Amino acid sequence: MKNLLHTLDNLGAPVSKLVKQPICDDKGNTLAWNFFVQNSKGISVAGGTHVDPAIAKRISIAEALERALAGQISRVDHLTKEFLLDKYPTSCGFACGFEKAPTKMRALREATERWAWSMWIDKSFTINRLDKKNIIIDPLSKFIFEHFSNVQLFQKDDILIPFENEIVKYSFLVLILETDLGVFAGCRAGMPGENLLSHAAIEAF
């Protein structure tokens, strides 16, 4: 924890504490855990959610580091140009983690998600609607769905991405959750056969 605080402070993003919070169903059973990285004003600057509290904690720390590093890069002229932030002022496609290979794949996932969103919304590419009856819904996703009046699922398969001298095949899942207050969206890009639903549900929730 001290190393995290010190690292983030050096990156210009000081934090004060990690906050742990369970996600419980109506019977009090813990379905997952939230971790929040908060600054001195008590404002959450990053978060992580997972059924395993250790993984949720790692996600929150990685997200805090990712945002701090992206902020640092944006403040240095030559790095801003190297990372194309002068042309695309967003941290889309950025990822931070504790193992190199999985972190690279997470960056690719995020870039793929943003690209697929753009193809769907801006270019009017078709994404098929899924029937929830044909999908295995994990307990956490089921709990999340209960908070919304309507749930819609869309999926695009066989997205081929040239990456490091090979072709990566991804699927892209979009989850649309509706309430009287509006619409909340979550998404996930990943390998065929992966559980994309829970990540999309957490993001929307």
N, C-alpha and C. Protein backbone atom coordinates (compact mmCIF):
# COMPACT_ATOMS: atom_id res chain seq x y z
N MET A 1 0.82 -1.20 0.00
CA MET A 1 0.00 0.00 0.00
C MET A 1 0.87 1.26 0.00
N LYS A 2 1.90 1.28 0.82
CA LYS A 2 2.79 2.43 0.88
C LYS A 2 3.48 2.66 -0.46
N ASN A 3 3.88 1.55 -1.13
CA ASN A 3 4.52 1.68 -2.44
C ASN A 3 3.55 2.27 -3.45
N LEU A 4 2.28 1.86 -3.38
CA LEU A 4 1.26 2.41 -4.28
C LEU A 4 1.12 3.91 -4.07
N LEU A 5 0.97 4.33 -2.81
CA LEU A 5 0.82 5.75 -2.51
C LEU A 5 2.02 6.55 -3.00
N HIS A 6 3.20 6.00 -2.78
CA HIS A 6 4.42 6.69 -3.19
C HIS A 6 4.51 6.80 -4.71
N THR A 7 4.19 5.71 -5.41
CA THR A 7 4.25 5.71 -6.88
C THR A 7 3.26 6.70 -7.47
N LEU A 8 2.02 6.67 -6.99
CA LEU A 8 1.01 7.58 -7.51
C LEU A 8 1.35 9.03 -7.18
N ASP A 9 1.92 9.27 -6.02
CA ASP A 9 2.34 10.62 -5.65
C ASP A 9 3.41 11.13 -6.61
N ASN A 10 4.36 10.28 -6.97
CA ASN A 10 5.41 10.65 -7.91
C ASN A 10 4.86 10.92 -9.31
N LEU A 11 3.72 10.29 -9.63
CA LEU A 11 3.09 10.49 -10.93
C LEU A 11 2.16 11.70 -10.94
N GLY A 12 2.09 12.41 -9.82
CA GLY A 12 1.25 13.59 -9.76
C GLY A 12 -0.20 13.30 -9.45
N ALA A 13 -0.46 12.12 -8.89
CA ALA A 13 -1.84 11.74 -8.57
C ALA A 13 -1.88 11.13 -7.17
N PRO A 14 -1.69 11.95 -6.14
CA PRO A 14 -1.66 11.40 -4.78
C PRO A 14 -3.01 10.84 -4.35
N VAL A 15 -2.98 9.73 -3.64
CA VAL A 15 -4.19 9.11 -3.09
C VAL A 15 -3.98 8.91 -1.60
N SER A 16 -5.09 8.74 -0.90
CA SER A 16 -4.99 8.62 0.55
C SER A 16 -5.29 7.22 1.06
N LYS A 17 -6.22 6.50 0.38
CA LYS A 17 -6.58 5.19 0.93
C LYS A 17 -7.31 4.35 -0.11
N LEU A 18 -7.38 3.04 0.23
CA LEU A 18 -8.19 2.09 -0.52
C LEU A 18 -9.43 1.76 0.32
N VAL A 19 -10.59 1.80 -0.32
CA VAL A 19 -11.84 1.50 0.37
C VAL A 19 -12.40 0.19 -0.19
N LYS A 20 -12.76 -0.72 0.71
CA LYS A 20 -13.28 -2.03 0.34
C LYS A 20 -14.78 -2.08 0.63
N GLN A 21 -15.55 -2.59 -0.34
CA GLN A 21 -17.01 -2.62 -0.17
C GLN A 21 -17.58 -3.89 -0.79
N PRO A 22 -18.39 -4.65 -0.05
CA PRO A 22 -18.99 -5.85 -0.63
C PRO A 22 -20.22 -5.51 -1.47
N ILE A 23 -20.50 -6.35 -2.46
CA ILE A 23 -21.76 -6.30 -3.20
C ILE A 23 -22.57 -7.50 -2.73
N CYS A 24 -23.69 -7.23 -2.05
CA CYS A 24 -24.48 -8.30 -1.44
C CYS A 24 -25.86 -8.39 -2.08
N ASP A 25 -26.39 -9.60 -2.13
CA ASP A 25 -27.75 -9.78 -2.61
C ASP A 25 -28.74 -9.49 -1.48
N ASP A 26 -30.03 -9.67 -1.75
CA ASP A 26 -31.06 -9.35 -0.78
C ASP A 26 -31.00 -10.20 0.48
N LYS A 27 -30.32 -11.34 0.39
CA LYS A 27 -30.20 -12.23 1.54
C LYS A 27 -28.90 -11.99 2.32
N GLY A 28 -28.11 -11.03 1.88
CA GLY A 28 -26.87 -10.73 2.57
C GLY A 28 -25.67 -11.53 2.10
N ASN A 29 -25.85 -12.33 1.06
CA ASN A 29 -24.73 -13.10 0.51
C ASN A 29 -23.83 -12.19 -0.31
N THR A 30 -22.54 -12.29 -0.10
CA THR A 30 -21.58 -11.47 -0.85
C THR A 30 -21.36 -12.09 -2.23
N LEU A 31 -21.69 -11.32 -3.28
CA LEU A 31 -21.55 -11.78 -4.66
C LEU A 31 -20.22 -11.33 -5.26
N ALA A 32 -19.71 -10.19 -4.81
CA ALA A 32 -18.47 -9.64 -5.37
C ALA A 32 -17.97 -8.55 -4.42
N TRP A 33 -16.82 -7.99 -4.80
CA TRP A 33 -16.22 -6.93 -3.98
C TRP A 33 -15.86 -5.73 -4.85
N ASN A 34 -16.08 -4.54 -4.29
CA ASN A 34 -15.61 -3.30 -4.89
C ASN A 34 -14.42 -2.78 -4.10
N PHE A 35 -13.41 -2.30 -4.80
CA PHE A 35 -12.33 -1.54 -4.18
C PHE A 35 -12.26 -0.19 -4.86
N PHE A 36 -12.10 0.87 -4.06
CA PHE A 36 -11.98 2.22 -4.60
C PHE A 36 -10.69 2.85 -4.11
N VAL A 37 -9.96 3.48 -5.03
CA VAL A 37 -8.79 4.27 -4.67
C VAL A 37 -9.27 5.71 -4.52
N GLN A 38 -9.10 6.28 -3.33
CA GLN A 38 -9.62 7.62 -3.06
C GLN A 38 -8.49 8.61 -2.80
N ASN A 39 -8.74 9.88 -3.20
CA ASN A 39 -7.78 10.93 -2.90
C ASN A 39 -8.09 11.54 -1.53
N SER A 40 -7.36 12.58 -1.17
CA SER A 40 -7.49 13.15 0.17
C SER A 40 -8.86 13.78 0.42
N LYS A 41 -9.59 14.08 -0.66
CA LYS A 41 -10.93 14.66 -0.53
C LYS A 41 -12.02 13.60 -0.46
N GLY A 42 -11.62 12.32 -0.49
CA GLY A 42 -12.58 11.23 -0.44
C GLY A 42 -13.22 10.93 -1.78
N ILE A 43 -12.66 11.48 -2.84
CA ILE A 43 -13.18 11.25 -4.19
C ILE A 43 -12.50 10.02 -4.78
N SER A 44 -13.29 9.10 -5.31
CA SER A 44 -12.73 7.89 -5.92
C SER A 44 -12.12 8.23 -7.28
N VAL A 45 -10.86 7.87 -7.46
CA VAL A 45 -10.16 8.15 -8.71
C VAL A 45 -10.00 6.88 -9.55
N ALA A 46 -10.30 5.73 -8.95
CA ALA A 46 -10.23 4.46 -9.67
C ALA A 46 -10.99 3.42 -8.86
N GLY A 47 -11.40 2.35 -9.55
CA GLY A 47 -12.13 1.30 -8.86
C GLY A 47 -11.93 -0.05 -9.52
N GLY A 48 -12.26 -1.08 -8.78
CA GLY A 48 -12.17 -2.44 -9.31
C GLY A 48 -13.24 -3.31 -8.68
N THR A 49 -13.83 -4.18 -9.47
CA THR A 49 -14.88 -5.07 -9.00
C THR A 49 -14.59 -6.49 -9.46
N HIS A 50 -14.72 -7.46 -8.56
CA HIS A 50 -14.50 -8.86 -8.91
C HIS A 50 -15.05 -9.73 -7.79
N VAL A 51 -15.34 -10.98 -8.11
CA VAL A 51 -15.80 -11.91 -7.08
C VAL A 51 -14.68 -12.25 -6.10
N ASP A 52 -13.44 -12.15 -6.55
CA ASP A 52 -12.27 -12.37 -5.70
C ASP A 52 -11.77 -11.01 -5.21
N PRO A 53 -11.79 -10.75 -3.89
CA PRO A 53 -11.38 -9.43 -3.40
C PRO A 53 -9.95 -9.06 -3.75
N ALA A 54 -9.06 -10.05 -3.81
CA ALA A 54 -7.67 -9.76 -4.15
C ALA A 54 -7.57 -9.23 -5.59
N ILE A 55 -8.34 -9.83 -6.49
CA ILE A 55 -8.33 -9.37 -7.88
C ILE A 55 -8.99 -8.00 -8.00
N ALA A 56 -10.08 -7.78 -7.27
CA ALA A 56 -10.73 -6.47 -7.28
C ALA A 56 -9.76 -5.39 -6.83
N LYS A 57 -8.97 -5.69 -5.82
CA LYS A 57 -7.98 -4.73 -5.31
C LYS A 57 -6.93 -4.43 -6.38
N ARG A 58 -6.44 -5.48 -7.04
CA ARG A 58 -5.43 -5.29 -8.08
C ARG A 58 -5.98 -4.46 -9.24
N ILE A 59 -7.25 -4.70 -9.60
CA ILE A 59 -7.86 -3.94 -10.69
C ILE A 59 -7.92 -2.45 -10.33
N SER A 60 -8.32 -2.15 -9.10
CA SER A 60 -8.43 -0.74 -8.69
C SER A 60 -7.07 -0.05 -8.70
N ILE A 61 -6.05 -0.76 -8.23
CA ILE A 61 -4.70 -0.18 -8.22
C ILE A 61 -4.20 0.02 -9.64
N ALA A 62 -4.41 -0.97 -10.50
CA ALA A 62 -3.96 -0.87 -11.89
C ALA A 62 -4.66 0.30 -12.59
N GLU A 63 -5.95 0.48 -12.32
CA GLU A 63 -6.68 1.57 -12.96
C GLU A 63 -6.17 2.93 -12.47
N ALA A 64 -5.86 3.03 -11.18
CA ALA A 64 -5.30 4.28 -10.66
C ALA A 64 -3.96 4.60 -11.32
N LEU A 65 -3.11 3.58 -11.46
CA LEU A 65 -1.82 3.77 -12.12
C LEU A 65 -1.99 4.15 -13.59
N GLU A 66 -2.94 3.48 -14.25
CA GLU A 66 -3.20 3.77 -15.67
C GLU A 66 -3.59 5.22 -15.87
N ARG A 67 -4.51 5.71 -15.06
CA ARG A 67 -4.97 7.09 -15.21
C ARG A 67 -3.88 8.09 -14.86
N ALA A 68 -3.08 7.75 -13.83
CA ALA A 68 -1.99 8.65 -13.46
C ALA A 68 -0.93 8.72 -14.55
N LEU A 69 -0.59 7.55 -15.13
CA LEU A 69 0.41 7.53 -16.21
C LEU A 69 -0.10 8.25 -17.46
N ALA A 70 -1.38 8.05 -17.80
CA ALA A 70 -1.95 8.74 -18.95
C ALA A 70 -1.92 10.25 -18.74
N GLY A 71 -2.21 10.66 -17.51
CA GLY A 71 -2.16 12.09 -17.20
C GLY A 71 -0.75 12.64 -17.31
N GLN A 72 0.23 11.86 -16.84
CA GLN A 72 1.62 12.30 -16.92
C GLN A 72 2.07 12.41 -18.37
N ILE A 73 1.72 11.43 -19.19
CA ILE A 73 2.08 11.45 -20.61
C ILE A 73 1.48 12.67 -21.30
N SER A 74 0.25 13.01 -20.96
CA SER A 74 -0.44 14.13 -21.62
C SER A 74 0.19 15.48 -21.29
N ARG A 75 1.01 15.51 -20.23
CA ARG A 75 1.64 16.77 -19.82
C ARG A 75 3.05 16.95 -20.38
N VAL A 76 3.52 15.97 -21.14
CA VAL A 76 4.87 16.04 -21.72
C VAL A 76 4.74 16.06 -23.23
N ASP A 77 5.22 17.13 -23.86
CA ASP A 77 4.97 17.36 -25.29
C ASP A 77 5.40 16.19 -26.18
N HIS A 78 6.65 15.72 -26.01
CA HIS A 78 7.12 14.67 -26.93
C HIS A 78 6.40 13.34 -26.68
N LEU A 79 5.99 13.07 -25.43
CA LEU A 79 5.24 11.86 -25.14
C LEU A 79 3.80 11.97 -25.67
N THR A 80 3.24 13.17 -25.57
CA THR A 80 1.90 13.39 -26.10
C THR A 80 1.86 13.05 -27.58
N LYS A 81 2.89 13.45 -28.33
CA LYS A 81 2.95 13.16 -29.76
C LYS A 81 3.24 11.68 -30.01
N GLU A 82 4.13 11.09 -29.21
CA GLU A 82 4.47 9.67 -29.39
C GLU A 82 3.25 8.78 -29.19
N PHE A 83 2.41 9.11 -28.22
CA PHE A 83 1.22 8.31 -27.93
C PHE A 83 -0.02 8.83 -28.66
N LEU A 84 0.19 9.78 -29.59
CA LEU A 84 -0.87 10.34 -30.44
C LEU A 84 -1.97 11.04 -29.65
N LEU A 85 -1.64 11.47 -28.43
CA LEU A 85 -2.65 12.19 -27.65
C LEU A 85 -2.90 13.59 -28.20
N ASP A 86 -1.98 14.08 -29.03
CA ASP A 86 -2.22 15.38 -29.67
C ASP A 86 -3.31 15.27 -30.72
N LYS A 87 -3.48 14.07 -31.31
CA LYS A 87 -4.52 13.85 -32.33
C LYS A 87 -5.77 13.21 -31.74
N TYR A 88 -5.55 12.31 -30.76
CA TYR A 88 -6.67 11.62 -30.12
C TYR A 88 -6.54 11.80 -28.61
N PRO A 89 -7.07 12.89 -28.06
CA PRO A 89 -6.87 13.21 -26.63
C PRO A 89 -7.72 12.34 -25.71
N THR A 90 -7.39 11.07 -25.66
CA THR A 90 -8.11 10.12 -24.82
C THR A 90 -7.15 9.00 -24.42
N SER A 91 -7.43 8.36 -23.30
CA SER A 91 -6.60 7.24 -22.87
C SER A 91 -7.14 5.92 -23.41
N CYS A 92 -7.99 5.98 -24.42
CA CYS A 92 -8.50 4.78 -25.07
C CYS A 92 -7.34 3.90 -25.54
N GLY A 93 -7.39 2.63 -25.18
CA GLY A 93 -6.32 1.73 -25.56
C GLY A 93 -5.18 1.68 -24.56
N PHE A 94 -5.29 2.42 -23.48
CA PHE A 94 -4.28 2.37 -22.43
C PHE A 94 -4.65 1.25 -21.44
N ALA A 95 -3.65 0.61 -20.89
CA ALA A 95 -3.87 -0.38 -19.83
C ALA A 95 -2.64 -0.42 -18.94
N CYS A 96 -2.86 -0.71 -17.69
CA CYS A 96 -1.76 -0.88 -16.74
C CYS A 96 -2.00 -2.17 -15.97
N GLY A 97 -0.94 -2.88 -15.67
CA GLY A 97 -1.11 -4.14 -14.95
C GLY A 97 0.20 -4.59 -14.34
N PHE A 98 0.20 -5.81 -13.82
CA PHE A 98 1.35 -6.31 -13.09
C PHE A 98 2.07 -7.44 -13.81
N GLU A 99 1.52 -7.87 -14.96
CA GLU A 99 2.18 -8.84 -15.83
C GLU A 99 2.10 -8.30 -17.25
N LYS A 100 3.20 -8.38 -17.99
CA LYS A 100 3.30 -7.71 -19.28
C LYS A 100 2.30 -8.23 -20.31
N ALA A 101 2.29 -9.54 -20.54
CA ALA A 101 1.45 -10.09 -21.61
C ALA A 101 -0.05 -9.83 -21.39
N PRO A 102 -0.60 -10.12 -20.20
CA PRO A 102 -2.03 -9.84 -20.00
C PRO A 102 -2.36 -8.36 -20.11
N THR A 103 -1.43 -7.50 -19.70
CA THR A 103 -1.68 -6.05 -19.79
C THR A 103 -1.75 -5.60 -21.24
N LYS A 104 -0.89 -6.15 -22.08
CA LYS A 104 -0.94 -5.82 -23.51
C LYS A 104 -2.27 -6.24 -24.12
N MET A 105 -2.76 -7.41 -23.71
CA MET A 105 -4.03 -7.88 -24.25
C MET A 105 -5.20 -7.04 -23.75
N ARG A 106 -5.11 -6.53 -22.51
CA ARG A 106 -6.17 -5.66 -22.01
C ARG A 106 -6.20 -4.34 -22.78
N ALA A 107 -5.03 -3.84 -23.14
CA ALA A 107 -4.98 -2.62 -23.95
C ALA A 107 -5.63 -2.87 -25.31
N LEU A 108 -5.34 -4.03 -25.88
CA LEU A 108 -5.93 -4.39 -27.18
C LEU A 108 -7.44 -4.54 -27.07
N ARG A 109 -7.90 -5.15 -25.97
CA ARG A 109 -9.34 -5.29 -25.74
C ARG A 109 -10.03 -3.92 -25.72
N GLU A 110 -9.44 -3.00 -24.96
CA GLU A 110 -10.08 -1.68 -24.81
C GLU A 110 -10.11 -0.94 -26.14
N ALA A 111 -9.02 -1.00 -26.88
CA ALA A 111 -9.00 -0.34 -28.19
C ALA A 111 -10.03 -0.97 -29.12
N THR A 112 -10.16 -2.29 -29.06
CA THR A 112 -11.14 -2.99 -29.89
C THR A 112 -12.56 -2.58 -29.51
N GLU A 113 -12.82 -2.46 -28.22
CA GLU A 113 -14.14 -2.04 -27.76
C GLU A 113 -14.50 -0.67 -28.32
N ARG A 114 -13.59 0.28 -28.21
CA ARG A 114 -13.88 1.64 -28.69
C ARG A 114 -14.07 1.66 -30.20
N TRP A 115 -13.25 0.88 -30.91
CA TRP A 115 -13.38 0.80 -32.37
C TRP A 115 -14.72 0.20 -32.77
N ALA A 116 -15.11 -0.89 -32.09
CA ALA A 116 -16.37 -1.55 -32.41
C ALA A 116 -17.57 -0.65 -32.11
N TRP A 117 -17.51 0.08 -30.99
CA TRP A 117 -18.56 1.06 -30.69
C TRP A 117 -18.69 2.05 -31.84
N SER A 118 -17.56 2.55 -32.31
CA SER A 118 -17.56 3.55 -33.38
C SER A 118 -18.12 2.98 -34.67
N MET A 119 -17.75 1.75 -35.00
CA MET A 119 -18.28 1.13 -36.22
C MET A 119 -19.80 0.99 -36.14
N TRP A 120 -20.29 0.66 -34.95
CA TRP A 120 -21.74 0.47 -34.76
C TRP A 120 -22.49 1.80 -34.79
N ILE A 121 -22.00 2.77 -34.03
CA ILE A 121 -22.72 4.04 -33.89
C ILE A 121 -22.45 4.98 -35.06
N ASP A 122 -21.18 5.15 -35.43
CA ASP A 122 -20.82 6.15 -36.44
C ASP A 122 -20.93 5.63 -37.87
N LYS A 123 -20.68 4.33 -38.04
CA LYS A 123 -20.66 3.77 -39.40
C LYS A 123 -21.88 2.90 -39.70
N SER A 124 -22.74 2.70 -38.70
CA SER A 124 -23.99 1.92 -38.87
C SER A 124 -23.76 0.46 -39.23
N PHE A 125 -22.63 -0.10 -38.77
CA PHE A 125 -22.42 -1.54 -38.93
C PHE A 125 -23.42 -2.29 -38.06
N THR A 126 -23.79 -3.47 -38.48
CA THR A 126 -24.80 -4.25 -37.77
C THR A 126 -24.19 -5.09 -36.66
N ILE A 127 -24.83 -5.09 -35.49
CA ILE A 127 -24.48 -6.00 -34.41
C ILE A 127 -25.76 -6.75 -34.03
N ASN A 128 -25.68 -8.06 -34.00
CA ASN A 128 -26.87 -8.87 -33.76
C ASN A 128 -27.35 -8.80 -32.32
N ARG A 129 -28.65 -8.77 -32.14
CA ARG A 129 -29.24 -8.83 -30.81
C ARG A 129 -29.23 -10.28 -30.33
N LEU A 130 -28.94 -10.47 -29.05
CA LEU A 130 -28.92 -11.80 -28.45
C LEU A 130 -30.16 -12.02 -27.60
N ASP A 131 -30.59 -13.25 -27.55
CA ASP A 131 -31.70 -13.64 -26.68
C ASP A 131 -31.12 -14.09 -25.34
N LYS A 132 -31.52 -13.44 -24.26
CA LYS A 132 -30.99 -13.77 -22.94
C LYS A 132 -31.25 -15.22 -22.56
N LYS A 133 -32.29 -15.81 -23.14
CA LYS A 133 -32.62 -17.20 -22.81
C LYS A 133 -31.52 -18.16 -23.24
N ASN A 134 -30.70 -17.75 -24.20
CA ASN A 134 -29.66 -18.62 -24.74
C ASN A 134 -28.29 -18.35 -24.11
N ILE A 135 -28.26 -17.56 -23.04
CA ILE A 135 -27.00 -17.17 -22.43
C ILE A 135 -26.96 -17.63 -20.98
N ILE A 136 -25.82 -18.15 -20.56
CA ILE A 136 -25.62 -18.51 -19.16
C ILE A 136 -25.32 -17.23 -18.39
N ILE A 137 -26.16 -16.92 -17.42
CA ILE A 137 -26.02 -15.69 -16.66
C ILE A 137 -25.47 -16.01 -15.27
N ASP A 138 -24.32 -15.47 -14.94
CA ASP A 138 -23.69 -15.73 -13.65
C ASP A 138 -24.46 -14.99 -12.54
N PRO A 139 -24.29 -15.39 -11.27
CA PRO A 139 -25.06 -14.80 -10.16
C PRO A 139 -24.91 -13.28 -10.05
N LEU A 140 -23.69 -12.75 -10.25
CA LEU A 140 -23.50 -11.30 -10.13
C LEU A 140 -24.26 -10.56 -11.22
N SER A 141 -24.17 -11.04 -12.47
CA SER A 141 -24.90 -10.40 -13.56
C SER A 141 -26.41 -10.47 -13.34
N LYS A 142 -26.87 -11.61 -12.85
CA LYS A 142 -28.30 -11.76 -12.56
C LYS A 142 -28.75 -10.75 -11.52
N PHE A 143 -27.95 -10.57 -10.47
CA PHE A 143 -28.26 -9.59 -9.44
C PHE A 143 -28.31 -8.18 -10.03
N ILE A 144 -27.37 -7.85 -10.89
CA ILE A 144 -27.33 -6.52 -11.52
C ILE A 144 -28.57 -6.31 -12.39
N PHE A 145 -28.93 -7.32 -13.14
CA PHE A 145 -30.09 -7.18 -14.05
C PHE A 145 -31.38 -6.88 -13.29
N GLU A 146 -31.46 -7.37 -12.06
CA GLU A 146 -32.68 -7.17 -11.28
C GLU A 146 -32.94 -5.71 -10.95
N HIS A 147 -31.93 -4.86 -11.09
CA HIS A 147 -32.08 -3.44 -10.79
C HIS A 147 -32.56 -2.63 -11.98
N PHE A 148 -32.82 -3.28 -13.11
CA PHE A 148 -33.17 -2.55 -14.32
C PHE A 148 -34.47 -3.07 -14.92
N SER A 149 -35.20 -2.17 -15.58
CA SER A 149 -36.50 -2.52 -16.14
C SER A 149 -36.39 -3.31 -17.43
N ASN A 150 -35.28 -3.16 -18.13
CA ASN A 150 -35.10 -3.90 -19.38
C ASN A 150 -33.61 -4.12 -19.62
N VAL A 151 -33.29 -5.28 -20.16
CA VAL A 151 -31.90 -5.64 -20.46
C VAL A 151 -31.83 -6.07 -21.92
N GLN A 152 -30.91 -5.46 -22.67
CA GLN A 152 -30.70 -5.83 -24.07
C GLN A 152 -29.24 -6.22 -24.27
N LEU A 153 -29.02 -7.25 -25.08
CA LEU A 153 -27.69 -7.75 -25.36
C LEU A 153 -27.45 -7.77 -26.87
N PHE A 154 -26.25 -7.36 -27.27
CA PHE A 154 -25.86 -7.38 -28.67
C PHE A 154 -24.45 -7.96 -28.75
N GLN A 155 -24.17 -8.70 -29.82
CA GLN A 155 -22.84 -9.28 -29.95
C GLN A 155 -22.39 -9.34 -31.40
N LYS A 156 -21.13 -8.99 -31.61
CA LYS A 156 -20.48 -9.11 -32.92
C LYS A 156 -19.32 -10.07 -32.79
N ASP A 157 -19.32 -11.12 -33.59
CA ASP A 157 -18.25 -12.12 -33.54
C ASP A 157 -17.29 -11.95 -34.71
N ASP A 158 -16.19 -12.68 -34.64
CA ASP A 158 -15.21 -12.75 -35.74
C ASP A 158 -14.63 -11.39 -36.12
N ILE A 159 -14.26 -10.60 -35.10
CA ILE A 159 -13.50 -9.36 -35.35
C ILE A 159 -12.03 -9.75 -35.41
N LEU A 160 -11.41 -9.58 -36.56
CA LEU A 160 -10.03 -10.01 -36.78
C LEU A 160 -9.09 -8.82 -36.65
N ILE A 161 -8.09 -8.95 -35.78
CA ILE A 161 -7.17 -7.84 -35.49
C ILE A 161 -5.73 -8.30 -35.70
N PRO A 162 -4.99 -7.67 -36.61
CA PRO A 162 -3.56 -7.99 -36.75
C PRO A 162 -2.79 -7.43 -35.56
N PHE A 163 -2.10 -8.32 -34.84
CA PHE A 163 -1.41 -7.90 -33.63
C PHE A 163 -0.18 -8.74 -33.43
N GLU A 164 1.00 -8.10 -33.47
CA GLU A 164 2.28 -8.76 -33.23
C GLU A 164 2.45 -10.01 -34.12
N ASN A 165 2.32 -9.82 -35.41
CA ASN A 165 2.57 -10.85 -36.42
C ASN A 165 1.58 -12.02 -36.36
N GLU A 166 0.43 -11.80 -35.76
CA GLU A 166 -0.61 -12.82 -35.80
C GLU A 166 -1.97 -12.14 -35.87
N ILE A 167 -3.00 -12.93 -36.09
CA ILE A 167 -4.36 -12.41 -36.16
C ILE A 167 -5.12 -12.84 -34.90
N VAL A 168 -5.60 -11.88 -34.16
CA VAL A 168 -6.39 -12.15 -32.96
C VAL A 168 -7.87 -12.07 -33.32
N LYS A 169 -8.64 -13.09 -32.95
CA LYS A 169 -10.07 -13.09 -33.22
C LYS A 169 -10.82 -12.75 -31.94
N TYR A 170 -11.60 -11.68 -32.00
CA TYR A 170 -12.35 -11.23 -30.84
C TYR A 170 -13.85 -11.25 -31.11
N SER A 171 -14.61 -11.36 -30.04
CA SER A 171 -16.04 -11.09 -30.04
C SER A 171 -16.26 -9.81 -29.23
N PHE A 172 -17.35 -9.10 -29.55
CA PHE A 172 -17.66 -7.84 -28.89
C PHE A 172 -19.08 -7.90 -28.38
N LEU A 173 -19.24 -7.81 -27.05
CA LEU A 173 -20.55 -7.88 -26.42
C LEU A 173 -20.94 -6.51 -25.89
N VAL A 174 -22.17 -6.10 -26.18
CA VAL A 174 -22.71 -4.85 -25.65
C VAL A 174 -23.93 -5.16 -24.80
N LEU A 175 -23.97 -4.57 -23.63
CA LEU A 175 -25.09 -4.73 -22.71
C LEU A 175 -25.74 -3.37 -22.49
N ILE A 176 -27.04 -3.28 -22.74
CA ILE A 176 -27.80 -2.05 -22.54
C ILE A 176 -28.80 -2.27 -21.42
N LEU A 177 -28.66 -1.51 -20.34
CA LEU A 177 -29.55 -1.62 -19.18
C LEU A 177 -30.40 -0.36 -19.10
N GLU A 178 -31.71 -0.55 -18.96
CA GLU A 178 -32.63 0.58 -18.98
C GLU A 178 -33.31 0.78 -17.63
N THR A 179 -33.51 2.06 -17.26
CA THR A 179 -34.31 2.45 -16.11
C THR A 179 -35.15 3.66 -16.54
N ASP A 180 -36.00 4.13 -15.63
CA ASP A 180 -36.80 5.31 -15.92
C ASP A 180 -35.91 6.56 -16.05
N LEU A 181 -34.71 6.49 -15.48
CA LEU A 181 -33.80 7.64 -15.51
C LEU A 181 -32.94 7.68 -16.77
N GLY A 182 -32.88 6.57 -17.49
CA GLY A 182 -32.05 6.56 -18.69
C GLY A 182 -31.49 5.19 -19.00
N VAL A 183 -30.48 5.20 -19.89
CA VAL A 183 -29.88 3.97 -20.37
C VAL A 183 -28.42 3.91 -19.93
N PHE A 184 -28.00 2.72 -19.50
CA PHE A 184 -26.63 2.52 -19.04
C PHE A 184 -26.01 1.39 -19.85
N ALA A 185 -24.83 1.63 -20.39
CA ALA A 185 -24.21 0.67 -21.30
C ALA A 185 -22.92 0.10 -20.72
N GLY A 186 -22.66 -1.15 -21.04
CA GLY A 186 -21.40 -1.79 -20.71
C GLY A 186 -20.99 -2.66 -21.88
N CYS A 187 -19.71 -2.96 -21.99
CA CYS A 187 -19.26 -3.77 -23.12
C CYS A 187 -18.02 -4.58 -22.73
N ARG A 188 -17.68 -5.52 -23.60
CA ARG A 188 -16.47 -6.32 -23.40
C ARG A 188 -16.07 -6.94 -24.72
N ALA A 189 -14.81 -6.82 -25.06
CA ALA A 189 -14.24 -7.53 -26.20
C ALA A 189 -13.35 -8.63 -25.65
N GLY A 190 -13.39 -9.80 -26.28
CA GLY A 190 -12.59 -10.90 -25.79
C GLY A 190 -12.60 -12.08 -26.73
N MET A 191 -11.86 -13.10 -26.36
CA MET A 191 -11.74 -14.29 -27.18
C MET A 191 -13.07 -15.04 -27.22
N PRO A 192 -13.36 -15.73 -28.33
CA PRO A 192 -14.58 -16.55 -28.39
C PRO A 192 -14.59 -17.57 -27.26
N GLY A 193 -15.73 -17.72 -26.62
CA GLY A 193 -15.86 -18.66 -25.51
C GLY A 193 -15.61 -18.06 -24.14
N GLU A 194 -15.03 -16.84 -24.08
CA GLU A 194 -14.84 -16.19 -22.79
C GLU A 194 -16.17 -15.71 -22.23
N ASN A 195 -16.23 -15.55 -20.91
CA ASN A 195 -17.39 -14.94 -20.28
C ASN A 195 -17.27 -13.43 -20.40
N LEU A 196 -17.94 -12.87 -21.38
CA LEU A 196 -17.89 -11.42 -21.62
C LEU A 196 -18.97 -10.70 -20.83
N LEU A 197 -19.98 -11.43 -20.41
CA LEU A 197 -21.15 -10.81 -19.82
C LEU A 197 -20.87 -10.12 -18.50
N SER A 198 -20.17 -10.79 -17.59
CA SER A 198 -20.01 -10.25 -16.24
C SER A 198 -19.25 -8.93 -16.26
N HIS A 199 -18.22 -8.82 -17.10
CA HIS A 199 -17.46 -7.58 -17.19
C HIS A 199 -18.34 -6.45 -17.72
N ALA A 200 -19.13 -6.75 -18.77
CA ALA A 200 -20.03 -5.74 -19.33
C ALA A 200 -21.07 -5.30 -18.31
N ALA A 201 -21.57 -6.26 -17.52
CA ALA A 201 -22.57 -5.95 -16.48
C ALA A 201 -22.00 -5.05 -15.40
N ILE A 202 -20.78 -5.38 -14.96
CA ILE A 202 -20.12 -4.57 -13.93
C ILE A 202 -19.88 -3.16 -14.45
N GLU A 203 -19.42 -3.05 -15.69
CA GLU A 203 -19.15 -1.73 -16.26
C GLU A 203 -20.41 -0.89 -16.35
N ALA A 204 -21.52 -1.49 -16.77
CA ALA A 204 -22.78 -0.75 -16.87
C ALA A 204 -23.31 -0.37 -15.49
N PHE A 205 -23.13 -1.27 -14.53
CA PHE A 205 -23.67 -1.06 -13.19
C PHE A 205 -22.92 0.03 -12.47
